N, C-alpha and C. Protein backbone atom coordinates (compact mmCIF):
# COMPACT_ATOMS: atom_id res chain seq x y z
N MET A 1 19.27 -91.20 -13.36
CA MET A 1 19.46 -90.52 -12.41
C MET A 1 18.30 -89.18 -12.72
N ILE A 2 17.79 -88.34 -12.63
CA ILE A 2 17.23 -87.28 -12.50
C ILE A 2 17.95 -86.13 -11.62
N LEU A 3 17.72 -85.33 -12.33
CA LEU A 3 18.04 -83.13 -11.40
C LEU A 3 17.54 -83.29 -12.00
N LYS A 4 17.53 -82.79 -10.15
CA LYS A 4 16.34 -81.23 -9.87
C LYS A 4 16.72 -79.87 -10.89
N VAL A 5 16.38 -78.78 -10.99
CA VAL A 5 17.27 -77.80 -10.74
C VAL A 5 15.48 -76.53 -10.15
N CYS A 6 16.51 -76.16 -9.56
CA CYS A 6 15.02 -74.72 -9.01
C CYS A 6 15.23 -73.41 -9.91
N ILE A 7 13.53 -73.46 -9.97
CA ILE A 7 13.43 -72.41 -11.84
C ILE A 7 12.33 -71.12 -10.12
N GLY A 8 12.22 -71.22 -9.67
CA GLY A 8 11.80 -70.62 -8.99
C GLY A 8 12.91 -68.86 -8.46
N SER A 9 11.67 -68.52 -8.07
CA SER A 9 12.25 -67.09 -8.50
C SER A 9 13.27 -66.35 -7.88
N ALA A 10 14.23 -66.79 -7.16
CA ALA A 10 14.85 -66.12 -6.51
C ALA A 10 16.21 -67.32 -7.23
N CYS A 11 16.63 -68.25 -7.49
CA CYS A 11 16.95 -69.60 -8.69
C CYS A 11 16.62 -68.56 -9.71
N HIS A 12 16.12 -67.77 -10.27
CA HIS A 12 15.70 -67.48 -11.54
C HIS A 12 16.30 -66.33 -11.39
N ILE A 13 16.76 -65.13 -11.02
CA ILE A 13 16.76 -64.41 -10.56
C ILE A 13 19.16 -64.93 -11.03
N LYS A 14 18.63 -65.76 -10.11
CA LYS A 14 20.30 -65.88 -10.30
C LYS A 14 21.08 -66.85 -11.13
N GLY A 15 20.42 -67.28 -13.20
CA GLY A 15 20.23 -67.40 -13.49
C GLY A 15 20.43 -69.12 -13.66
N SER A 16 18.84 -69.65 -13.19
CA SER A 16 18.29 -70.82 -13.28
C SER A 16 18.07 -70.89 -14.65
N TYR A 17 17.50 -70.73 -16.18
CA TYR A 17 17.65 -71.37 -17.25
C TYR A 17 18.98 -70.95 -17.49
N ASP A 18 19.53 -70.01 -17.62
CA ASP A 18 21.66 -70.18 -18.34
C ASP A 18 22.08 -71.65 -17.24
N VAL A 19 21.60 -72.04 -16.54
CA VAL A 19 22.17 -73.08 -15.85
C VAL A 19 22.01 -74.59 -16.58
N ILE A 20 20.41 -74.27 -16.72
CA ILE A 20 19.58 -76.36 -17.36
C ILE A 20 20.24 -75.30 -18.49
N LYS A 21 19.93 -74.84 -19.65
CA LYS A 21 20.47 -74.24 -20.81
C LYS A 21 21.78 -75.28 -20.69
N ILE A 22 23.55 -74.38 -19.94
CA ILE A 22 24.37 -75.60 -19.72
C ILE A 22 23.89 -76.83 -19.78
N ILE A 23 23.77 -76.85 -18.26
CA ILE A 23 23.21 -78.26 -18.33
C ILE A 23 23.31 -80.07 -19.94
N THR A 24 22.38 -78.77 -19.91
CA THR A 24 20.84 -79.67 -20.97
C THR A 24 22.42 -79.55 -22.47
N GLY A 25 22.74 -78.54 -22.92
CA GLY A 25 24.58 -79.18 -23.86
C GLY A 25 25.37 -80.16 -22.86
N ILE A 26 25.89 -80.36 -21.83
CA ILE A 26 26.32 -81.08 -21.77
C ILE A 26 26.06 -82.54 -21.49
N ILE A 27 24.61 -82.50 -21.72
CA ILE A 27 23.50 -84.01 -21.19
C ILE A 27 24.17 -84.55 -22.76
N GLU A 28 23.59 -84.05 -23.99
CA GLU A 28 23.42 -83.70 -25.45
C GLU A 28 24.89 -84.27 -26.01
N ASN A 29 25.58 -83.15 -25.16
CA ASN A 29 26.91 -83.19 -25.73
C ASN A 29 28.15 -84.66 -25.41
N GLU A 30 27.59 -84.95 -24.36
CA GLU A 30 28.16 -86.34 -23.65
C GLU A 30 27.81 -86.97 -23.97
N GLY A 31 26.40 -87.51 -25.04
CA GLY A 31 25.15 -88.42 -24.70
C GLY A 31 24.82 -88.84 -23.50
N LEU A 32 24.90 -88.08 -22.62
CA LEU A 32 24.00 -88.42 -21.15
C LEU A 32 22.36 -88.97 -21.25
N GLU A 33 21.59 -88.80 -22.28
CA GLU A 33 20.50 -88.34 -22.37
C GLU A 33 20.34 -89.30 -21.73
N LYS A 34 21.05 -91.13 -21.37
CA LYS A 34 19.85 -92.20 -20.63
C LYS A 34 20.27 -91.94 -19.21
N LEU A 35 21.27 -91.27 -18.87
CA LEU A 35 21.69 -91.98 -17.61
C LEU A 35 21.62 -90.47 -17.00
N VAL A 36 21.01 -89.36 -17.11
CA VAL A 36 21.04 -88.29 -16.49
C VAL A 36 19.32 -87.64 -17.00
N GLU A 37 18.65 -87.29 -16.25
CA GLU A 37 17.55 -86.87 -16.59
C GLU A 37 17.01 -84.78 -15.81
N LEU A 38 17.27 -84.19 -16.49
CA LEU A 38 16.64 -83.03 -15.70
C LEU A 38 15.55 -82.51 -15.32
N LYS A 39 15.27 -81.78 -14.82
CA LYS A 39 13.78 -81.39 -14.50
C LYS A 39 14.01 -80.38 -13.29
N ALA A 40 12.56 -79.44 -13.57
CA ALA A 40 12.73 -78.49 -13.50
C ALA A 40 11.61 -78.45 -12.34
N CYS A 41 12.28 -77.78 -11.29
CA CYS A 41 11.42 -77.75 -9.56
C CYS A 41 11.32 -75.83 -9.36
N PHE A 42 10.71 -76.76 -8.38
CA PHE A 42 9.76 -74.56 -7.54
C PHE A 42 11.35 -74.83 -6.45
N CYS A 43 10.82 -74.20 -5.23
CA CYS A 43 11.48 -73.46 -4.60
C CYS A 43 12.30 -74.96 -3.61
N LEU A 44 13.54 -74.65 -3.82
CA LEU A 44 15.07 -75.53 -2.69
C LEU A 44 14.40 -75.08 -1.41
N ASN A 45 13.38 -74.75 -0.95
CA ASN A 45 14.67 -73.11 0.46
C ASN A 45 16.06 -73.52 0.36
N ASN A 46 16.47 -72.79 -0.93
CA ASN A 46 17.36 -73.13 -0.56
C ASN A 46 18.21 -71.65 -1.59
N CYS A 47 17.65 -70.49 -0.44
CA CYS A 47 17.57 -69.07 -1.69
C CYS A 47 18.57 -68.42 -1.87
N THR A 48 20.14 -68.60 -0.67
CA THR A 48 20.67 -67.53 -0.64
C THR A 48 22.23 -68.23 -1.39
N ASP A 49 22.66 -69.20 -1.97
CA ASP A 49 24.01 -69.06 -2.28
C ASP A 49 24.12 -69.62 -3.83
N GLY A 50 22.95 -69.47 -4.11
CA GLY A 50 22.87 -69.88 -5.87
C GLY A 50 21.81 -70.35 -6.63
N VAL A 51 22.05 -71.07 -7.57
CA VAL A 51 20.81 -71.99 -8.32
C VAL A 51 20.60 -73.05 -8.02
N SER A 52 19.73 -73.50 -6.98
CA SER A 52 20.03 -74.92 -6.64
C SER A 52 19.22 -76.04 -7.22
N ALA A 53 19.76 -76.95 -7.14
CA ALA A 53 19.53 -78.52 -7.96
C ALA A 53 20.21 -79.89 -6.84
N VAL A 54 19.08 -81.36 -6.56
CA VAL A 54 19.40 -81.80 -5.63
C VAL A 54 19.00 -83.01 -6.94
N ILE A 55 19.18 -84.17 -6.56
CA ILE A 55 19.43 -85.12 -7.15
C ILE A 55 18.42 -86.24 -6.65
N GLU A 56 17.18 -86.82 -7.14
CA GLU A 56 16.37 -87.19 -6.55
C GLU A 56 16.96 -87.95 -5.71
N GLY A 57 16.01 -88.60 -4.80
CA GLY A 57 16.11 -89.91 -3.80
C GLY A 57 17.57 -89.32 -3.33
N GLU A 58 18.19 -87.85 -3.04
CA GLU A 58 19.20 -88.16 -2.04
C GLU A 58 18.82 -85.96 -0.63
N GLU A 59 19.55 -85.78 -0.05
CA GLU A 59 18.91 -84.75 0.42
C GLU A 59 20.05 -84.09 0.75
N LYS A 60 21.12 -84.00 0.44
CA LYS A 60 22.37 -83.00 0.26
C LYS A 60 21.28 -81.91 -1.18
N LEU A 61 21.65 -80.64 -1.39
CA LEU A 61 21.20 -79.68 -2.07
C LEU A 61 22.58 -79.11 -2.69
N TYR A 62 22.76 -78.46 -3.45
CA TYR A 62 24.00 -78.54 -4.54
C TYR A 62 23.56 -76.87 -4.66
N SER A 63 24.52 -76.12 -5.09
CA SER A 63 24.89 -74.58 -5.62
C SER A 63 24.69 -74.68 -6.94
N PHE A 64 24.57 -73.79 -8.14
CA PHE A 64 25.58 -73.95 -9.48
C PHE A 64 25.43 -72.45 -9.90
N SER A 65 25.93 -71.29 -10.10
CA SER A 65 26.04 -70.53 -11.15
C SER A 65 26.08 -71.22 -12.70
N ARG A 66 25.85 -69.27 -13.10
CA ARG A 66 26.60 -69.78 -15.27
C ARG A 66 28.13 -69.60 -14.78
N GLU A 67 28.45 -69.65 -13.97
CA GLU A 67 30.13 -69.75 -13.64
C GLU A 67 30.78 -70.96 -13.85
N ASN A 68 29.96 -71.77 -12.83
CA ASN A 68 30.79 -73.27 -11.63
C ASN A 68 30.25 -74.21 -12.76
N VAL A 69 28.51 -74.25 -13.40
CA VAL A 69 28.18 -74.95 -13.54
C VAL A 69 28.75 -76.18 -14.83
N GLU A 70 30.29 -75.84 -15.19
CA GLU A 70 30.48 -76.73 -15.74
C GLU A 70 31.20 -77.96 -14.95
N GLU A 71 32.06 -77.08 -13.76
CA GLU A 71 33.16 -77.64 -12.66
C GLU A 71 31.58 -78.76 -12.18
N LYS A 72 31.16 -78.30 -11.41
CA LYS A 72 29.95 -78.81 -10.74
C LYS A 72 29.53 -80.39 -11.24
N PHE A 73 28.65 -79.35 -12.40
CA PHE A 73 28.10 -80.93 -13.23
C PHE A 73 29.88 -82.48 -12.68
N LYS A 74 30.25 -81.96 -13.40
CA LYS A 74 31.35 -82.95 -13.85
C LYS A 74 31.78 -84.12 -12.07
N ASP A 75 31.93 -82.89 -11.55
CA ASP A 75 32.17 -83.29 -9.58
C ASP A 75 31.23 -83.99 -8.96
N ILE A 76 29.25 -83.82 -9.47
CA ILE A 76 29.22 -83.59 -9.27
C ILE A 76 28.56 -85.15 -8.90
N ILE A 77 28.39 -84.90 -11.08
CA ILE A 77 26.71 -85.33 -11.55
C ILE A 77 27.54 -86.47 -12.76
N LYS A 78 29.28 -86.30 -12.93
CA LYS A 78 29.45 -88.04 -13.98
C LYS A 78 30.64 -88.37 -12.38
N GLU A 79 30.76 -88.15 -11.72
CA GLU A 79 31.17 -87.61 -10.60
C GLU A 79 29.79 -90.75 -10.95
N ARG A 80 29.13 -89.71 -10.54
CA ARG A 80 28.63 -91.14 -9.71
C ARG A 80 26.98 -92.14 -11.29
N ILE A 81 28.07 -91.14 -12.50
CA ILE A 81 27.63 -91.95 -13.55
C ILE A 81 28.02 -93.08 -13.85
N LEU A 82 29.59 -92.36 -14.25
CA LEU A 82 29.73 -93.28 -15.11
C LEU A 82 31.23 -93.76 -14.74
């Protein structure tokens, strides 16, 4: 699974680099490196809700924040791979 997280201007201001750092930590700590690939991307045209992300091959956009990234990663990503 490839998870793309926006690092465009609006998402950068909302903490995209912190979100990426937290997700990277989760992937490493839980040994998910072979199951989840994390990539940065530019604008996903969802600039109002939070740090935007998309699973490659899907149309649905997700919004993360520093505060909810761990819970949302569990609900959205881990749910699909485990």
